[in-house]
Amino acid sequence: MTMDKKVERKLFDEVMVPCYNPMPMIPDHGKGSRIWDQEGQEYVDFAGGIAVSCLGHCHPVMVDALTEQAQKLWHLSNVMTNAPALRLAKRLTELSFADRVFYANSGAEANEAALKLARRWAKEEHGEHKSEIIAFSKGFHGRTFFTVTVGGQPAYSDGFGPKPGDITHLPYNDLAALADHISDRTCAVMMEPLQGEGGIIPPEPGFLEGVRELCDKHNALLIFDEVQTGNGRTGTFYAYQQSGVAPDILATAKSLGGGIPIGAMLTTEALAAHMKPGTHGSTYGGNPLACAVAEAVVEEVTKPEVLDGVIEREQWFRDGLEAINDKYGIFSEVRGKGLLLGAALNKAWEGRARDILVAAGEEGLLVLVAGPNVVRFTPSLVITKADIEEGMARLDRAIAKVVAA
């Protein structure tokens, strides 16, 4: 098989483990917020690889960074360090509360590192009894066995035998429930500052502040999973920066690399000291190729015009969705912040989010779902107004099909 030979969708069913059920089309190339499949069919991309392609497809700063680094070093073991990894780590500490960075390859691995660090700190500082991890229902933190168990969606963690223990799930946005349960044996509270997979659920006023206060009261660590909300997605580099509440540990990935696999755990100097040589590691973590691209992405995303543009684009999306809803009356509300948005279906249309996703694909638009009742949008942070308007026209046609069916 040559590298450029077309393949058929049925090959997926013949050679791949069936964890996924991909669309019938096979993408061939992309530019900006447009994708073309093998047949030349064009799609407007409102999905962004699930909040990953923050600068769209083949952005020049990413292509240049990748090309330049590809002619230098691709990989080194962690017996050595490398300049792109160090420069990126320095920039991440400048842009956040953190003093120290640990590199991984994905959001799940960044969260795994965060959880291991929290347990290690608690054991060394307080003893074996301080091991409980509190997380929230409908949360999502990755697919490793530890992170998927901490995530508050049993459908993802059931069916694999005994789960990691001492993990408690409480309702999101219920500060009273947390106050009733948290204790001095709680090691950490892990949460998304805005829930993504669970339905684009924002924190209610005072919730993040209340969680921080309860963690401080019981000497528990606060872990923010900013895998989806981070790197400019909500209009600030990290979402927590809009709340005035800083975590002790933060996990970041997805948009960090703009499409190249990279994740990172950020934390303070005092906590990082508990991860001594040999306690944790990653073969590819800190890969110079990935870090060089991520460095370029971070420099582009943190430009004021990009971050300010996220809020401007949020309004363009909200205006488009409102116009569609005025015609069809299927959304109860549009939730989220920046370019992490979810259009929640009203009672008459509950369970139909995937129908809209499929119909949108048929109209040449890529969208996502967040559960059965929410259509999710996580496009490029620099998507043009023309692409948004064209995508909304295609979404309009898709919803018209669903309504008429």
Protein backbone atom coordinates (compact mmCIF):
# COMPACT_ATOMS: atom_id res chain seq x y z
CA MET A 1 0.00 0.00 0.00
CA THR A 2 1.42 3.39 -0.98
CA MET A 3 1.17 6.31 1.42
CA ASP A 4 -1.21 8.30 -0.81
CA LYS A 5 -3.52 5.47 -1.86
CA LYS A 6 -7.15 5.98 -0.96
CA VAL A 7 -8.60 3.72 1.70
CA GLU A 8 -12.21 2.79 2.35
CA ARG A 9 -14.05 3.21 5.64
CA LYS A 10 -14.69 -0.54 5.77
CA LEU A 11 -10.96 -1.07 6.36
CA PHE A 12 -11.48 0.39 9.84
CA ASP A 13 -13.80 -2.50 10.70
CA GLU A 14 -11.24 -4.99 9.40
CA VAL A 15 -8.09 -3.77 11.17
CA MET A 16 -9.03 -1.54 14.12
CA VAL A 17 -10.15 -2.40 17.65
CA PRO A 18 -13.80 -1.28 17.62
CA CYS A 19 -13.57 1.33 20.38
CA TYR A 20 -14.86 3.98 17.99
CA ASN A 21 -17.54 4.35 15.33
CA PRO A 22 -16.07 6.97 12.97
CA MET A 23 -17.94 8.84 10.28
CA PRO A 24 -18.21 7.26 6.81
CA MET A 25 -15.89 9.83 5.24
CA ILE A 26 -12.11 9.78 5.60
CA PRO A 27 -10.46 13.22 5.88
CA ASP A 28 -7.56 13.87 3.53
CA HIS A 29 -6.34 17.38 4.35
CA GLY A 30 -7.31 20.58 6.10
CA LYS A 31 -6.58 24.28 6.12
CA GLY A 32 -7.78 26.69 8.76
CA SER A 33 -11.29 25.65 9.78
CA ARG A 34 -12.02 23.61 6.65
CA ILE A 35 -11.39 19.91 6.00
CA TRP A 36 -11.59 17.99 2.72
CA ASP A 37 -12.18 14.24 2.51
CA GLN A 38 -10.71 11.81 -0.01
CA GLU A 39 -13.51 12.58 -2.44
CA GLY A 40 -12.94 16.32 -2.27
CA GLN A 41 -16.01 17.04 -0.15
CA GLU A 42 -15.44 20.12 2.04
CA TYR A 43 -16.45 20.43 5.70
CA VAL A 44 -16.54 23.39 8.08
CA ASP A 45 -14.90 22.30 11.32
CA PHE A 46 -16.75 23.34 14.49
CA ALA A 47 -15.25 20.37 16.39
CA GLY A 48 -11.54 21.12 16.31
CA GLY A 49 -10.57 17.55 17.07
CA ILE A 50 -12.50 17.87 20.37
CA ALA A 51 -10.97 21.16 21.52
CA VAL A 52 -7.51 20.27 20.22
CA SER A 53 -6.98 22.13 16.94
CA CYS A 54 -6.91 25.56 18.58
CA LEU A 55 -5.25 27.22 15.58
CA GLY A 56 -7.10 25.20 12.98
CA HIS A 57 -5.43 22.90 10.51
CA CYS A 58 -1.88 23.46 9.22
CA HIS A 59 -1.41 26.87 10.82
CA PRO A 60 1.89 28.34 9.53
CA VAL A 61 3.44 28.81 13.00
CA MET A 62 2.88 25.13 13.74
CA VAL A 63 4.11 23.93 10.36
CA ASP A 64 7.24 26.08 10.67
CA ALA A 65 7.98 24.90 14.21
CA LEU A 66 7.50 21.25 13.27
CA THR A 67 9.61 21.54 10.13
CA GLU A 68 12.46 23.30 11.89
CA GLN A 69 12.56 20.88 14.84
CA ALA A 70 12.19 17.84 12.58
CA GLN A 71 15.61 18.63 11.17
CA LYS A 72 17.20 18.81 14.63
CA LEU A 73 15.99 16.26 17.20
CA TRP A 74 12.87 14.12 17.30
CA HIS A 75 13.30 12.18 20.51
CA LEU A 76 15.51 11.89 23.56
CA SER A 77 15.04 9.77 26.64
CA ASN A 78 14.57 11.56 29.94
CA VAL A 79 18.16 10.66 30.80
CA MET A 80 18.65 13.99 29.03
CA THR A 81 16.59 17.16 28.76
CA ASN A 82 16.11 19.38 25.71
CA ALA A 83 15.79 23.06 24.88
CA PRO A 84 12.18 23.08 23.55
CA ALA A 85 10.95 21.32 26.69
CA LEU A 86 12.72 23.76 28.98
CA ARG A 87 11.59 26.84 27.08
CA LEU A 88 7.99 25.62 27.06
CA ALA A 89 8.07 24.79 30.77
CA LYS A 90 9.41 28.24 31.56
CA ARG A 91 6.60 29.81 29.56
CA LEU A 92 3.92 27.69 31.22
CA THR A 93 5.13 28.75 34.66
CA GLU A 94 5.12 32.39 33.58
CA LEU A 95 1.53 32.05 32.38
CA SER A 96 0.13 30.25 35.44
CA PHE A 97 0.33 29.78 39.20
CA ALA A 98 2.83 26.96 38.79
CA ASP A 99 6.54 26.64 39.48
CA ARG A 100 7.13 23.18 38.04
CA VAL A 101 6.04 21.15 34.99
CA PHE A 102 5.83 17.42 34.27
CA TYR A 103 5.29 16.38 30.66
CA ALA A 104 3.05 13.58 29.45
CA ASN A 105 1.45 12.66 26.13
CA SER A 106 -2.24 13.22 26.83
CA GLY A 107 -4.75 14.71 29.21
CA ALA A 108 -5.36 11.35 30.84
CA GLU A 109 -1.66 10.97 31.59
CA ALA A 110 -1.43 14.52 32.93
CA ASN A 111 -4.36 13.77 35.23
CA GLU A 112 -2.82 10.45 36.24
CA ALA A 113 0.34 12.30 37.26
CA ALA A 114 -1.74 14.83 39.19
CA LEU A 115 -3.55 12.12 41.14
CA LYS A 116 -0.35 10.22 41.89
CA LEU A 117 1.32 13.40 43.10
CA ALA A 118 -1.62 14.18 45.39
CA ARG A 119 -1.58 10.70 46.92
CA ARG A 120 2.21 10.81 47.30
CA TRP A 121 2.08 14.21 49.03
CA ALA A 122 -0.65 13.06 51.40
CA LYS A 123 1.15 9.86 52.34
CA GLU A 124 4.50 11.56 52.97
CA GLU A 125 3.11 14.61 54.75
CA HIS A 126 0.15 13.15 56.65
CA GLY A 127 0.21 9.35 56.55
CA GLU A 128 -1.70 6.48 54.98
CA HIS A 129 -5.09 7.57 56.32
CA LYS A 130 -5.27 10.69 54.12
CA SER A 131 -6.08 9.05 50.79
CA GLU A 132 -9.63 9.96 49.77
CA ILE A 133 -10.09 11.66 46.40
CA ILE A 134 -13.32 13.56 45.87
CA ALA A 135 -14.54 14.19 42.33
CA PHE A 136 -17.86 15.17 40.78
CA SER A 137 -20.65 13.39 38.95
CA LYS A 138 -20.56 13.86 35.18
CA GLY A 139 -16.88 14.76 35.35
CA PHE A 140 -14.41 13.34 32.87
CA HIS A 141 -10.67 13.01 33.48
CA GLY A 142 -9.38 10.49 30.94
CA ARG A 143 -9.37 6.79 30.14
CA THR A 144 -6.61 5.30 32.26
CA PHE A 145 -8.14 3.10 34.94
CA PHE A 146 -7.34 5.58 37.70
CA THR A 147 -8.60 8.65 35.83
CA VAL A 148 -11.70 6.99 34.40
CA THR A 149 -12.64 5.85 37.90
CA VAL A 150 -12.16 9.34 39.28
CA GLY A 151 -14.32 10.64 36.43
CA GLY A 152 -17.95 10.71 37.49
CA GLN A 153 -19.45 8.67 34.64
CA PRO A 154 -19.74 4.98 35.60
CA ALA A 155 -20.55 3.96 32.02
CA TYR A 156 -16.91 4.62 31.16
CA SER A 157 -15.40 2.80 34.15
CA ASP A 158 -17.71 -0.18 34.71
CA GLY A 159 -16.89 -3.60 33.29
CA PHE A 160 -13.15 -3.76 33.91
CA GLY A 161 -13.04 -5.46 37.29
CA PRO A 162 -12.12 -3.98 40.67
CA LYS A 163 -11.61 -0.23 40.54
CA PRO A 164 -9.04 1.91 42.33
CA GLY A 165 -10.41 2.65 45.79
CA ASP A 166 -11.12 5.56 48.11
CA ILE A 167 -12.76 7.70 45.44
CA THR A 168 -15.97 9.59 46.22
CA HIS A 169 -18.31 11.27 43.73
CA LEU A 170 -20.50 14.22 44.69
CA PRO A 171 -22.86 16.43 42.67
CA TYR A 172 -21.21 19.27 40.74
CA ASN A 173 -22.27 22.73 41.91
CA ASP A 174 -23.49 21.36 45.27
CA LEU A 175 -21.25 23.06 47.79
CA ALA A 176 -23.34 21.84 50.73
CA ALA A 177 -22.81 18.21 49.73
CA LEU A 178 -19.06 18.77 49.59
CA ALA A 179 -19.06 20.57 52.96
CA ASP A 180 -20.97 17.66 54.52
CA HIS A 181 -18.57 15.03 53.19
CA ILE A 182 -15.04 16.44 53.00
CA SER A 183 -12.85 15.63 55.99
CA ASP A 184 -9.27 15.64 57.16
CA ARG A 185 -8.76 12.27 55.48
CA THR A 186 -9.52 13.83 52.09
CA CYS A 187 -6.35 13.94 50.04
CA ALA A 188 -7.60 16.01 47.10
CA VAL A 189 -10.61 17.35 45.25
CA MET A 190 -10.40 16.97 41.47
CA MET A 191 -12.66 18.96 39.18
CA GLU A 192 -13.11 20.65 35.84
CA PRO A 193 -13.61 24.39 36.31
CA LEU A 194 -16.21 24.00 33.57
CA GLN A 195 -17.44 20.47 32.90
CA GLY A 196 -16.97 19.43 29.28
CA GLU A 197 -17.95 15.84 28.46
CA GLY A 198 -20.64 15.96 31.12
CA GLY A 199 -22.68 18.52 29.21
CA ILE A 200 -20.82 21.87 29.18
CA ILE A 201 -21.83 22.68 32.74
CA PRO A 202 -20.38 25.92 34.15
CA PRO A 203 -19.72 26.44 37.86
CA GLU A 204 -22.35 28.43 39.70
CA PRO A 205 -21.23 31.71 41.29
CA GLY A 206 -19.20 31.00 44.42
CA PHE A 207 -18.77 27.28 43.75
CA LEU A 208 -15.06 27.31 42.86
CA GLU A 209 -14.33 29.72 45.71
CA GLY A 210 -16.21 27.48 48.13
CA VAL A 211 -14.34 24.36 47.00
CA ARG A 212 -11.02 26.17 47.48
CA GLU A 213 -12.02 27.25 51.01
CA LEU A 214 -13.08 23.72 51.97
CA CYS A 215 -9.84 22.27 50.62
CA ASP A 216 -7.85 24.78 52.65
CA LYS A 217 -9.91 24.05 55.77
CA HIS A 218 -9.23 20.31 55.56
CA ASN A 219 -5.69 20.56 54.15
CA ALA A 220 -6.68 18.88 50.89
CA LEU A 221 -5.22 19.66 47.49
CA LEU A 222 -7.32 21.21 44.74
CA ILE A 223 -6.70 19.72 41.29
CA PHE A 224 -8.08 21.49 38.24
CA ASP A 225 -8.50 19.42 35.10
CA GLU A 226 -8.04 22.06 32.40
CA VAL A 227 -7.43 19.58 29.61
CA GLN A 228 -10.41 20.94 27.67
CA THR A 229 -10.79 24.43 29.15
CA GLY A 230 -7.13 25.43 28.96
CA ASN A 231 -4.82 27.14 26.48
CA GLY A 232 -7.11 30.00 25.55
CA ARG A 233 -10.30 28.01 25.07
CA THR A 234 -12.41 30.20 27.37
CA GLY A 235 -10.73 33.54 26.63
CA THR A 236 -7.94 33.39 29.21
CA PHE A 237 -4.96 31.07 29.03
CA TYR A 238 -6.52 28.92 31.74
CA ALA A 239 -10.15 29.09 32.80
CA TYR A 240 -9.28 29.34 36.50
CA GLN A 241 -7.79 32.77 35.83
CA GLN A 242 -11.31 34.17 35.41
CA SER A 243 -12.40 32.94 38.85
CA GLY A 244 -9.72 34.25 41.18
CA VAL A 245 -9.26 30.69 42.43
CA ALA A 246 -5.91 28.97 41.87
CA PRO A 247 -5.43 25.20 42.15
CA ASP A 248 -2.52 23.33 43.70
CA ILE A 249 -2.16 21.08 40.65
CA LEU A 250 -3.40 21.58 37.09
CA ALA A 251 -3.58 19.20 34.13
CA THR A 252 -3.36 20.58 30.60
CA ALA A 253 -3.33 18.96 27.15
CA LYS A 254 -5.59 19.08 24.04
CA SER A 255 -5.03 22.64 22.70
CA LEU A 256 -1.57 22.80 24.29
CA GLY A 257 -0.08 21.18 21.19
CA GLY A 258 -2.67 22.32 18.67
CA GLY A 259 -2.86 18.77 17.33
CA ILE A 260 0.48 17.21 18.26
CA PRO A 261 0.17 14.85 21.27
CA ILE A 262 1.38 16.53 24.45
CA GLY A 263 0.11 16.96 28.00
CA ALA A 264 1.50 18.51 31.14
CA MET A 265 0.94 18.59 34.87
CA LEU A 266 1.64 21.95 36.49
CA THR A 267 2.21 22.38 40.21
CA THR A 268 4.07 24.28 42.91
CA GLU A 269 7.70 23.83 43.90
CA ALA A 270 6.74 22.44 47.32
CA LEU A 271 4.46 19.76 45.89
CA ALA A 272 6.81 18.89 43.04
CA ALA A 273 9.48 17.99 45.60
CA HIS A 274 7.48 14.85 46.43
CA MET A 275 8.07 13.47 42.93
CA LYS A 276 11.68 12.41 43.31
CA PRO A 277 13.65 10.64 40.54
CA GLY A 278 12.06 7.27 39.82
CA THR A 279 8.62 7.98 41.32
CA HIS A 280 6.98 8.69 37.96
CA GLY A 281 7.97 8.98 34.32
CA SER A 282 7.06 8.91 30.65
CA THR A 283 9.01 7.65 27.65
CA TYR A 284 7.73 10.34 25.31
CA GLY A 285 6.97 13.04 27.88
CA GLY A 286 8.94 16.19 27.02
CA ASN A 287 9.58 15.01 23.47
CA PRO A 288 11.46 17.84 21.68
CA LEU A 289 9.29 17.63 18.56
CA ALA A 290 6.05 17.96 20.54
CA CYS A 291 7.44 20.66 22.82
CA ALA A 292 8.70 22.76 19.91
CA VAL A 293 5.24 22.76 18.34
CA ALA A 294 3.54 23.45 21.68
CA GLU A 295 5.91 26.34 22.31
CA ALA A 296 4.84 27.92 19.01
CA VAL A 297 1.17 27.28 19.79
CA VAL A 298 1.42 28.90 23.22
CA GLU A 299 3.13 31.99 21.81
CA GLU A 300 0.40 32.39 19.21
CA VAL A 301 -2.55 31.66 21.50
CA THR A 302 -1.39 34.11 24.18
CA LYS A 303 -1.37 37.06 21.80
CA PRO A 304 -3.95 39.56 23.12
CA GLU A 305 -5.75 39.67 19.79
CA VAL A 306 -6.25 35.89 19.89
CA LEU A 307 -7.55 35.78 23.47
CA ASP A 308 -9.78 38.82 22.91
CA GLY A 309 -10.94 37.24 19.67
CA VAL A 310 -12.17 34.16 21.51
CA ILE A 311 -14.76 36.25 23.36
CA GLU A 312 -15.75 37.99 20.11
CA ARG A 313 -16.19 34.63 18.40
CA GLU A 314 -18.23 33.31 21.33
CA GLN A 315 -20.77 36.04 20.62
CA TRP A 316 -20.82 35.20 16.91
CA PHE A 317 -21.61 31.58 17.83
CA ARG A 318 -24.29 32.60 20.32
CA ASP A 319 -25.90 34.93 17.77
CA GLY A 320 -25.95 32.17 15.15
CA LEU A 321 -27.40 29.60 17.52
CA GLU A 322 -30.03 32.06 18.73
CA ALA A 323 -31.12 32.73 15.14
CA ILE A 324 -31.41 28.98 14.50
CA ASN A 325 -33.36 28.48 17.70
CA ASP A 326 -35.74 31.29 16.78
CA LYS A 327 -36.67 29.20 13.72
CA TYR A 328 -36.84 25.71 15.20
CA GLY A 329 -37.19 26.09 18.98
CA ILE A 330 -35.14 23.05 19.94
CA PHE A 331 -32.55 24.49 22.36
CA SER A 332 -33.29 25.27 26.00
CA GLU A 333 -30.06 27.24 26.45
CA VAL A 334 -26.52 27.73 25.20
CA ARG A 335 -23.99 27.02 27.94
CA GLY A 336 -20.27 27.47 28.31
CA LYS A 337 -17.58 30.07 27.92
CA GLY A 338 -15.47 31.30 25.04
CA LEU A 339 -15.26 28.61 22.38
CA LEU A 340 -16.31 25.74 24.64
CA LEU A 341 -20.05 25.95 24.05
CA GLY A 342 -22.96 23.56 24.32
CA ALA A 343 -26.45 23.97 22.90
CA ALA A 344 -28.71 22.01 25.27
CA LEU A 345 -31.79 20.42 23.70
CA ASN A 346 -35.16 21.13 25.30
CA LYS A 347 -37.44 18.39 26.63
CA ALA A 348 -39.18 17.84 23.31
CA TRP A 349 -35.83 17.03 21.66
CA GLU A 350 -34.01 15.19 24.46
CA GLY A 351 -31.74 12.41 23.27
CA ARG A 352 -31.43 13.80 19.73
CA ALA A 353 -27.98 15.40 19.89
CA ARG A 354 -26.37 12.63 17.87
CA ASP A 355 -29.08 12.92 15.21
CA ILE A 356 -28.03 16.55 14.78
CA LEU A 357 -24.35 15.57 14.65
CA VAL A 358 -25.04 13.04 11.87
CA ALA A 359 -27.23 15.43 9.91
CA ALA A 360 -24.60 18.16 10.25
CA GLY A 361 -21.98 15.82 8.82
CA GLU A 362 -24.23 15.17 5.83
CA GLU A 363 -24.43 18.94 5.30
CA GLY A 364 -20.66 19.39 5.48
CA LEU A 365 -20.30 20.51 9.09
CA LEU A 366 -18.37 18.85 11.90
CA VAL A 367 -19.85 19.25 15.39
CA LEU A 368 -19.67 17.26 18.64
CA VAL A 369 -22.00 16.08 21.35
CA ALA A 370 -21.61 16.21 25.14
CA GLY A 371 -23.96 13.47 26.21
CA PRO A 372 -27.27 12.72 24.47
CA ASN A 373 -28.79 16.17 25.00
CA VAL A 374 -26.07 18.70 24.16
CA VAL A 375 -24.56 19.70 20.80
CA ARG A 376 -21.00 20.81 21.53
CA PHE A 377 -18.82 23.31 19.68
CA THR A 378 -15.03 23.53 20.19
CA PRO A 379 -13.68 25.16 17.01
CA SER A 380 -10.39 26.84 16.26
CA LEU A 381 -9.77 29.90 18.41
CA VAL A 382 -9.02 31.87 15.23
CA ILE A 383 -11.92 30.64 13.10
CA THR A 384 -13.06 33.37 10.72
CA LYS A 385 -16.47 35.03 10.84
CA ALA A 386 -17.12 33.79 7.30
CA ASP A 387 -16.49 30.18 8.38
CA ILE A 388 -18.79 30.60 11.39
CA GLU A 389 -21.56 32.01 9.20
CA GLU A 390 -21.16 29.23 6.63
CA GLY A 391 -21.12 26.61 9.39
CA MET A 392 -24.28 28.06 10.93
CA ALA A 393 -26.01 27.93 7.53
CA ARG A 394 -25.12 24.24 7.29
CA LEU A 395 -26.26 23.64 10.88
CA ASP A 396 -29.55 25.33 10.02
CA ARG A 397 -30.08 22.94 7.11
CA ALA A 398 -29.14 19.95 9.27
CA ILE A 399 -31.59 20.86 12.01
CA ALA A 400 -34.29 21.50 9.43
CA LYS A 401 -33.78 17.89 8.27
CA VAL A 402 -33.99 16.53 11.81
CA VAL A 403 -37.12 18.55 12.58
CA ALA A 404 -38.80 17.42 9.35
CA ALA A 405 -37.93 13.74 9.80
